[in-house]
Amino acid sequence: METVVTDDGETLYLPGDGDRGSKGPFLVAYGSQELERRYGWFCGHCDSVDTAMDPMGRIQCNGCGNLRKATEWDAAHE
């Protein structure tokens, strides 16, 4: 399992599961080695945890613009 350290000095654990983005993978990041506390998403393209997810499941990295398409779709959101 890979680990990364945030700018705040917090160690995050990346077990390898994730989703494909437009520029690179998004990996699930956990705040504990036991994988009990989910932290958020890690951008595999620019190695950043500065990501955001909207209610439709779209993930975007605020650093490099890596984007995962929405997992939910509703015509009302068009």
PDB file of N, CA and C in Angstrom:
ATOM      1  N   MET A   1       0.849  -1.172   0.000  1.00  0.00           N
ATOM      2  CA  MET A   1       0.000   0.000   0.000  1.00  0.00           C
ATOM      3  C   MET A   1       0.898   1.238   0.000  1.00  0.00           C
ATOM      4  N   GLU A   2       0.587   2.162  -0.871  1.00  0.00           N
ATOM      5  CA  GLU A   2       1.356   3.401  -0.988  1.00  0.00           C
ATOM      6  C   GLU A   2       0.874   4.417   0.048  1.00  0.00           C
ATOM      7  N   THR A   3       1.795   5.251   0.520  1.00  0.00           N
ATOM      8  CA  THR A   3       1.435   6.333   1.439  1.00  0.00           C
ATOM      9  C   THR A   3       1.892   7.661   0.856  1.00  0.00           C
ATOM     10  N   VAL A   4       1.172   8.712   1.202  1.00  0.00           N
ATOM     11  CA  VAL A   4       1.537  10.077   0.824  1.00  0.00           C
ATOM     12  C   VAL A   4       1.353  10.955   2.059  1.00  0.00           C
ATOM     13  N   VAL A   5       2.082  12.054   2.096  1.00  0.00           N
ATOM     14  CA  VAL A   5       1.962  13.003   3.203  1.00  0.00           C
ATOM     15  C   VAL A   5       1.418  14.309   2.642  1.00  0.00           C
ATOM     16  N   THR A   6       0.353  14.826   3.262  1.00  0.00           N
ATOM     17  CA  THR A   6      -0.258  16.073   2.818  1.00  0.00           C
ATOM     18  C   THR A   6       0.602  17.258   3.238  1.00  0.00           C
ATOM     19  N   ASP A   7       0.261  18.433   2.745  1.00  0.00           N
ATOM     20  CA  ASP A   7       0.965  19.660   3.130  1.00  0.00           C
ATOM     21  C   ASP A   7       0.834  19.929   4.621  1.00  0.00           C
ATOM     22  N   ASP A   8      -0.230  19.414   5.242  1.00  0.00           N
ATOM     23  CA  ASP A   8      -0.459  19.578   6.678  1.00  0.00           C
ATOM     24  C   ASP A   8       0.283  18.544   7.513  1.00  0.00           C
ATOM     25  N   GLY A   9       1.010  17.633   6.858  1.00  0.00           N
ATOM     26  CA  GLY A   9       1.769  16.614   7.560  1.00  0.00           C
ATOM     27  C   GLY A   9       0.990  15.354   7.889  1.00  0.00           C
ATOM     28  N   GLU A  10      -0.226  15.235   7.376  1.00  0.00           N
ATOM     29  CA  GLU A  10      -1.045  14.052   7.634  1.00  0.00           C
ATOM     30  C   GLU A  10      -0.672  12.951   6.645  1.00  0.00           C
ATOM     31  N   THR A  11      -0.501  11.730   7.138  1.00  0.00           N
ATOM     32  CA  THR A  11      -0.197  10.588   6.287  1.00  0.00           C
ATOM     33  C   THR A  11      -1.490   9.983   5.780  1.00  0.00           C
ATOM     34  N   LEU A  12      -1.541   9.777   4.467  1.00  0.00           N
ATOM     35  CA  LEU A  12      -2.703   9.151   3.837  1.00  0.00           C
ATOM     36  C   LEU A  12      -2.277   7.833   3.224  1.00  0.00           C
ATOM     37  N   TYR A  13      -3.202   6.908   3.171  1.00  0.00           N
ATOM     38  CA  TYR A  13      -2.937   5.564   2.680  1.00  0.00           C
ATOM     39  C   TYR A  13      -3.743   5.317   1.413  1.00  0.00           C
ATOM     40  N   LEU A  14      -3.051   4.834   0.375  1.00  0.00           N
ATOM     41  CA  LEU A  14      -3.668   4.601  -0.930  1.00  0.00           C
ATOM     42  C   LEU A  14      -3.601   3.115  -1.244  1.00  0.00           C
ATOM     43  N   PRO A  15      -4.678   2.376  -1.012  1.00  0.00           N
ATOM     44  CA  PRO A  15      -4.634   0.934  -1.243  1.00  0.00           C
ATOM     45  C   PRO A  15      -4.640   0.528  -2.710  1.00  0.00           C
ATOM     46  N   GLY A  16      -4.863   1.474  -3.608  1.00  0.00           N
ATOM     47  CA  GLY A  16      -4.796   1.162  -5.033  1.00  0.00           C
ATOM     48  C   GLY A  16      -6.134   1.140  -5.740  1.00  0.00           C
ATOM     49  N   ASP A  17      -7.250   1.152  -5.020  1.00  0.00           N
ATOM     50  CA  ASP A  17      -8.537   1.164  -5.702  1.00  0.00           C
ATOM     51  C   ASP A  17      -8.895   2.587  -6.102  1.00  0.00           C
ATOM     52  N   GLY A  18      -9.480   2.743  -7.250  1.00  0.00           N
ATOM     53  CA  GLY A  18      -9.816   4.078  -7.708  1.00  0.00           C
ATOM     54  C   GLY A  18     -10.537   4.062  -9.037  1.00  0.00           C
ATOM     55  N   ASP A  19     -10.581   5.224  -9.666  1.00  0.00           N
ATOM     56  CA  ASP A  19     -11.291   5.391 -10.927  1.00  0.00           C
ATOM     57  C   ASP A  19     -10.423   6.141 -11.929  1.00  0.00           C
ATOM     58  N   ARG A  20     -10.720   5.926 -13.200  1.00  0.00           N
ATOM     59  CA  ARG A  20      -9.968   6.570 -14.269  1.00  0.00           C
ATOM     60  C   ARG A  20     -10.433   8.007 -14.460  1.00  0.00           C
ATOM     61  N   GLY A  21      -9.475   8.919 -14.588  1.00  0.00           N
ATOM     62  CA  GLY A  21      -9.755  10.311 -14.889  1.00  0.00           C
ATOM     63  C   GLY A  21      -9.266  10.649 -16.287  1.00  0.00           C
ATOM     64  N   SER A  22      -9.473  11.882 -16.721  1.00  0.00           N
ATOM     65  CA  SER A  22      -9.093  12.298 -18.066  1.00  0.00           C
ATOM     66  C   SER A  22      -7.580  12.376 -18.263  1.00  0.00           C
ATOM     67  N   LYS A  23      -6.823  12.632 -17.193  1.00  0.00           N
ATOM     68  CA  LYS A  23      -5.370  12.749 -17.290  1.00  0.00           C
ATOM     69  C   LYS A  23      -4.627  11.665 -16.516  1.00  0.00           C
ATOM     70  N   GLY A  24      -5.296  11.027 -15.585  1.00  0.00           N
ATOM     71  CA  GLY A  24      -4.685  10.001 -14.754  1.00  0.00           C
ATOM     72  C   GLY A  24      -5.709   9.482 -13.764  1.00  0.00           C
ATOM     73  N   PRO A  25      -5.342   8.476 -12.987  1.00  0.00           N
ATOM     74  CA  PRO A  25      -6.312   7.879 -12.067  1.00  0.00           C
ATOM     75  C   PRO A  25      -6.596   8.741 -10.842  1.00  0.00           C
ATOM     76  N   PHE A  26      -7.770   8.541 -10.284  1.00  0.00           N
ATOM     77  CA  PHE A  26      -8.123   9.075  -8.965  1.00  0.00           C
ATOM     78  C   PHE A  26      -8.145   7.881  -8.027  1.00  0.00           C
ATOM     79  N   LEU A  27      -7.356   7.941  -6.968  1.00  0.00           N
ATOM     80  CA  LEU A  27      -7.278   6.854  -6.006  1.00  0.00           C
ATOM     81  C   LEU A  27      -7.979   7.244  -4.722  1.00  0.00           C
ATOM     82  N   VAL A  28      -8.643   6.283  -4.095  1.00  0.00           N
ATOM     83  CA  VAL A  28      -9.277   6.530  -2.808  1.00  0.00           C
ATOM     84  C   VAL A  28      -8.171   6.682  -1.769  1.00  0.00           C
ATOM     85  N   ALA A  29      -8.250   7.746  -0.963  1.00  0.00           N
ATOM     86  CA  ALA A  29      -7.262   8.002   0.090  1.00  0.00           C
ATOM     87  C   ALA A  29      -7.924   7.820   1.448  1.00  0.00           C
ATOM     88  N   TYR A  30      -7.211   7.123   2.329  1.00  0.00           N
ATOM     89  CA  TYR A  30      -7.709   6.867   3.684  1.00  0.00           C
ATOM     90  C   TYR A  30      -6.799   7.529   4.704  1.00  0.00           C
ATOM     91  N   GLY A  31      -7.383   7.927   5.819  1.00  0.00           N
ATOM     92  CA  GLY A  31      -6.637   8.585   6.879  1.00  0.00           C
ATOM     93  C   GLY A  31      -6.083   7.629   7.915  1.00  0.00           C
ATOM     94  N   SER A  32      -6.373   6.338   7.777  1.00  0.00           N
ATOM     95  CA  SER A  32      -5.840   5.347   8.712  1.00  0.00           C
ATOM     96  C   SER A  32      -5.352   4.132   7.935  1.00  0.00           C
ATOM     97  N   GLN A  33      -4.335   3.498   8.465  1.00  0.00           N
ATOM     98  CA  GLN A  33      -3.751   2.337   7.795  1.00  0.00           C
ATOM     99  C   GLN A  33      -4.737   1.168   7.743  1.00  0.00           C
ATOM    100  N   GLU A  34      -5.690   1.139   8.657  1.00  0.00           N
ATOM    101  CA  GLU A  34      -6.699   0.083   8.675  1.00  0.00           C
ATOM    102  C   GLU A  34      -7.801   0.327   7.648  1.00  0.00           C
ATOM    103  N   LEU A  35      -7.714   1.447   6.937  1.00  0.00           N
ATOM    104  CA  LEU A  35      -8.672   1.835   5.892  1.00  0.00           C
ATOM    105  C   LEU A  35     -10.079   2.004   6.451  1.00  0.00           C
ATOM    106  N   GLU A  36     -10.158   2.502   7.662  1.00  0.00           N
ATOM    107  CA  GLU A  36     -11.448   2.722   8.309  1.00  0.00           C
ATOM    108  C   GLU A  36     -11.979   4.133   8.088  1.00  0.00           C
ATOM    109  N   ARG A  37     -11.082   5.096   7.928  1.00  0.00           N
ATOM    110  CA  ARG A  37     -11.496   6.498   7.808  1.00  0.00           C
ATOM    111  C   ARG A  37     -11.149   7.004   6.414  1.00  0.00           C
ATOM    112  N   ARG A  38     -12.166   7.113   5.583  1.00  0.00           N
ATOM    113  CA  ARG A  38     -11.935   7.587   4.213  1.00  0.00           C
ATOM    114  C   ARG A  38     -11.668   9.084   4.238  1.00  0.00           C
ATOM    115  N   TYR A  39     -10.584   9.506   3.578  1.00  0.00           N
ATOM    116  CA  TYR A  39     -10.178  10.909   3.548  1.00  0.00           C
ATOM    117  C   TYR A  39     -10.770  11.617   2.335  1.00  0.00           C
ATOM    118  N   GLY A  40     -10.696  10.994   1.181  1.00  0.00           N
ATOM    119  CA  GLY A  40     -11.185  11.601  -0.060  1.00  0.00           C
ATOM    120  C   GLY A  40     -10.505  10.969  -1.254  1.00  0.00           C
ATOM    121  N   TRP A  41     -10.232  11.781  -2.260  1.00  0.00           N
ATOM    122  CA  TRP A  41      -9.629  11.293  -3.505  1.00  0.00           C
ATOM    123  C   TRP A  41      -8.232  11.884  -3.680  1.00  0.00           C
ATOM    124  N   PHE A  42      -7.345  11.096  -4.263  1.00  0.00           N
ATOM    125  CA  PHE A  42      -5.971  11.483  -4.562  1.00  0.00           C
ATOM    126  C   PHE A  42      -5.821  11.476  -6.073  1.00  0.00           C
ATOM    127  N   CYS A  43      -5.331  12.571  -6.639  1.00  0.00           N
ATOM    128  CA  CYS A  43      -5.122  12.667  -8.085  1.00  0.00           C
ATOM    129  C   CYS A  43      -3.788  12.009  -8.440  1.00  0.00           C
ATOM    130  N   GLY A  44      -3.846  10.951  -9.220  1.00  0.00           N
ATOM    131  CA  GLY A  44      -2.643  10.240  -9.638  1.00  0.00           C
ATOM    132  C   GLY A  44      -1.866  10.958 -10.718  1.00  0.00           C
ATOM    133  N   HIS A  45      -2.432  11.990 -11.296  1.00  0.00           N
ATOM    134  CA  HIS A  45      -1.724  12.746 -12.338  1.00  0.00           C
ATOM    135  C   HIS A  45      -0.751  13.749 -11.739  1.00  0.00           C
ATOM    136  N   CYS A  46      -1.199  14.511 -10.743  1.00  0.00           N
ATOM    137  CA  CYS A  46      -0.322  15.549 -10.164  1.00  0.00           C
ATOM    138  C   CYS A  46      -0.009  15.294  -8.683  1.00  0.00           C
ATOM    139  N   ASP A  47      -0.406  14.132  -8.168  1.00  0.00           N
ATOM    140  CA  ASP A  47      -0.126  13.747  -6.777  1.00  0.00           C
ATOM    141  C   ASP A  47      -0.678  14.754  -5.776  1.00  0.00           C
ATOM    142  N   SER A  48      -1.943  15.087  -5.923  1.00  0.00           N
ATOM    143  CA  SER A  48      -2.587  16.077  -5.065  1.00  0.00           C
ATOM    144  C   SER A  48      -3.855  15.507  -4.438  1.00  0.00           C
ATOM    145  N   VAL A  49      -4.185  15.989  -3.250  1.00  0.00           N
ATOM    146  CA  VAL A  49      -5.459  15.645  -2.623  1.00  0.00           C
ATOM    147  C   VAL A  49      -6.429  16.822  -2.693  1.00  0.00           C
ATOM    148  N   ASP A  50      -6.070  17.854  -3.450  1.00  0.00           N
ATOM    149  CA  ASP A  50      -6.927  19.025  -3.627  1.00  0.00           C
ATOM    150  C   ASP A  50      -7.942  18.719  -4.723  1.00  0.00           C
ATOM    151  N   THR A  51      -8.929  17.905  -4.363  1.00  0.00           N
ATOM    152  CA  THR A  51      -9.940  17.464  -5.315  1.00  0.00           C
ATOM    153  C   THR A  51     -11.331  17.798  -4.788  1.00  0.00           C
ATOM    154  N   ALA A  52     -12.288  17.788  -5.689  1.00  0.00           N
ATOM    155  CA  ALA A  52     -13.672  18.072  -5.307  1.00  0.00           C
ATOM    156  C   ALA A  52     -14.591  17.107  -6.054  1.00  0.00           C
ATOM    157  N   MET A  53     -15.688  16.713  -5.384  1.00  0.00           N
ATOM    158  CA  MET A  53     -16.685  15.858  -6.000  1.00  0.00           C
ATOM    159  C   MET A  53     -18.042  16.545  -5.907  1.00  0.00           C
ATOM    160  N   ASP A  54     -18.786  16.527  -7.004  1.00  0.00           N
ATOM    161  CA  ASP A  54     -20.113  17.133  -6.982  1.00  0.00           C
ATOM    162  C   ASP A  54     -21.172  16.065  -6.714  1.00  0.00           C
ATOM    163  N   PRO A  55     -22.433  16.455  -6.536  1.00  0.00           N
ATOM    164  CA  PRO A  55     -23.485  15.487  -6.216  1.00  0.00           C
ATOM    165  C   PRO A  55     -23.718  14.424  -7.294  1.00  0.00           C
ATOM    166  N   MET A  56     -23.266  14.666  -8.498  1.00  0.00           N
ATOM    167  CA  MET A  56     -23.433  13.702  -9.581  1.00  0.00           C
ATOM    168  C   MET A  56     -22.287  12.686  -9.627  1.00  0.00           C
ATOM    169  N   GLY A  57     -21.297  12.817  -8.743  1.00  0.00           N
ATOM    170  CA  GLY A  57     -20.170  11.895  -8.705  1.00  0.00           C
ATOM    171  C   GLY A  57     -18.997  12.313  -9.552  1.00  0.00           C
ATOM    172  N   ARG A  58     -19.047  13.502 -10.141  1.00  0.00           N
ATOM    173  CA  ARG A  58     -17.931  14.015 -10.935  1.00  0.00           C
ATOM    174  C   ARG A  58     -16.811  14.415  -9.976  1.00  0.00           C
ATOM    175  N   ILE A  59     -15.571  14.008 -10.262  1.00  0.00           N
ATOM    176  CA  ILE A  59     -14.412  14.390  -9.454  1.00  0.00           C
ATOM    177  C   ILE A  59     -13.518  15.261 -10.316  1.00  0.00           C
ATOM    178  N   GLN A  60     -13.039  16.362  -9.748  1.00  0.00           N
ATOM    179  CA  GLN A  60     -12.105  17.226 -10.459  1.00  0.00           C
ATOM    180  C   GLN A  60     -10.957  17.589  -9.543  1.00  0.00           C
ATOM    181  N   CYS A  61      -9.743  17.523 -10.084  1.00  0.00           N
ATOM    182  CA  CYS A  61      -8.567  17.964  -9.350  1.00  0.00           C
ATOM    183  C   CYS A  61      -8.447  19.471  -9.526  1.00  0.00           C
ATOM    184  N   ASN A  62      -8.362  20.183  -8.431  1.00  0.00           N
ATOM    185  CA  ASN A  62      -8.249  21.638  -8.496  1.00  0.00           C
ATOM    186  C   ASN A  62      -6.856  22.085  -8.913  1.00  0.00           C
ATOM    187  N   GLY A  63      -5.889  21.178  -8.896  1.00  0.00           N
ATOM    188  CA  GLY A  63      -4.522  21.521  -9.272  1.00  0.00           C
ATOM    189  C   GLY A  63      -4.265  21.416 -10.767  1.00  0.00           C
ATOM    190  N   CYS A  64      -4.649  20.286 -11.375  1.00  0.00           N
ATOM    191  CA  CYS A  64      -4.294  20.053 -12.777  1.00  0.00           C
ATOM    192  C   CYS A  64      -5.498  19.940 -13.704  1.00  0.00           C
ATOM    193  N   GLY A  65      -6.699  19.908 -13.149  1.00  0.00           N
ATOM    194  CA  GLY A  65      -7.897  19.822 -13.988  1.00  0.00           C
ATOM    195  C   GLY A  65      -8.281  18.403 -14.384  1.00  0.00           C
ATOM    196  N   ASN A  66      -7.584  17.398 -13.859  1.00  0.00           N
ATOM    197  CA  ASN A  66      -7.962  16.006 -14.113  1.00  0.00           C
ATOM    198  C   ASN A  66      -9.436  15.852 -13.750  1.00  0.00           C
ATOM    199  N   LEU A  67     -10.191  15.114 -14.563  1.00  0.00           N
ATOM    200  CA  LEU A  67     -11.639  15.043 -14.388  1.00  0.00           C
ATOM    201  C   LEU A  67     -12.136  13.617 -14.564  1.00  0.00           C
ATOM    202  N   ARG A  68     -12.974  13.177 -13.637  1.00  0.00           N
ATOM    203  CA  ARG A  68     -13.700  11.918 -13.801  1.00  0.00           C
ATOM    204  C   ARG A  68     -15.132  12.283 -14.125  1.00  0.00           C
ATOM    205  N   LYS A  69     -15.681  11.654 -15.151  1.00  0.00           N
ATOM    206  CA  LYS A  69     -17.060  11.934 -15.544  1.00  0.00           C
ATOM    207  C   LYS A  69     -18.025  11.557 -14.428  1.00  0.00           C
ATOM    208  N   ALA A  70     -19.184  12.155 -14.471  1.00  0.00           N
ATOM    209  CA  ALA A  70     -20.222  11.885 -13.479  1.00  0.00           C
ATOM    210  C   ALA A  70     -20.635  10.413 -13.525  1.00  0.00           C
ATOM    211  N   THR A  71     -20.872   9.853 -12.355  1.00  0.00           N
ATOM    212  CA  THR A  71     -21.335   8.471 -12.282  1.00  0.00           C
ATOM    213  C   THR A  71     -22.856   8.405 -12.313  1.00  0.00           C
ATOM    214  N   GLU A  72     -23.507   9.521 -12.050  1.00  0.00           N
ATOM    215  CA  GLU A  72     -24.963   9.619 -12.087  1.00  0.00           C
ATOM    216  C   GLU A  72     -25.307  10.672 -13.128  1.00  0.00           C
ATOM    217  N   TRP A  73     -26.407  10.490 -13.810  1.00  0.00           N
ATOM    218  CA  TRP A  73     -26.796  11.479 -14.795  1.00  0.00           C
ATOM    219  C   TRP A  73     -28.287  11.675 -14.710  1.00  0.00           C
ATOM    220  N   ASP A  74     -28.687  12.922 -14.768  1.00  0.00           N
ATOM    221  CA  ASP A  74     -30.110  13.274 -14.682  1.00  0.00           C
ATOM    222  C   ASP A  74     -30.330  14.425 -15.668  1.00  0.00           C
ATOM    223  N   ALA A  75     -31.279  14.269 -16.582  1.00  0.00           N
ATOM    224  CA  ALA A  75     -31.536  15.297 -17.594  1.00  0.00           C
ATOM    225  C   ALA A  75     -31.908  16.628 -16.975  1.00  0.00           C
ATOM    226  N   ALA A  76     -32.396  16.638 -15.746  1.00  0.00           N
ATOM    227  CA  ALA A  76     -32.767  17.882 -15.072  1.00  0.00           C
ATOM    228  C   ALA A  76     -31.539  18.748 -14.792  1.00  0.00           C
ATOM    229  N   HIS A  77     -30.354  18.175 -14.792  1.00  0.00           N
ATOM    230  CA  HIS A  77     -29.135  18.933 -14.507  1.00  0.00           C
ATOM    231  C   HIS A  77     -28.517  19.545 -15.766  1.00  0.00           C
ATOM    232  N   GLU A  78     -29.097  19.303 -16.914  1.00  0.00           N
ATOM    233  CA  GLU A  78     -28.563  19.856 -18.167  1.00  0.00           C
ATOM    234  C   GLU A  78     -28.862  21.320 -18.289  1.00  0.00           C
TER     235      GLU A  78
END
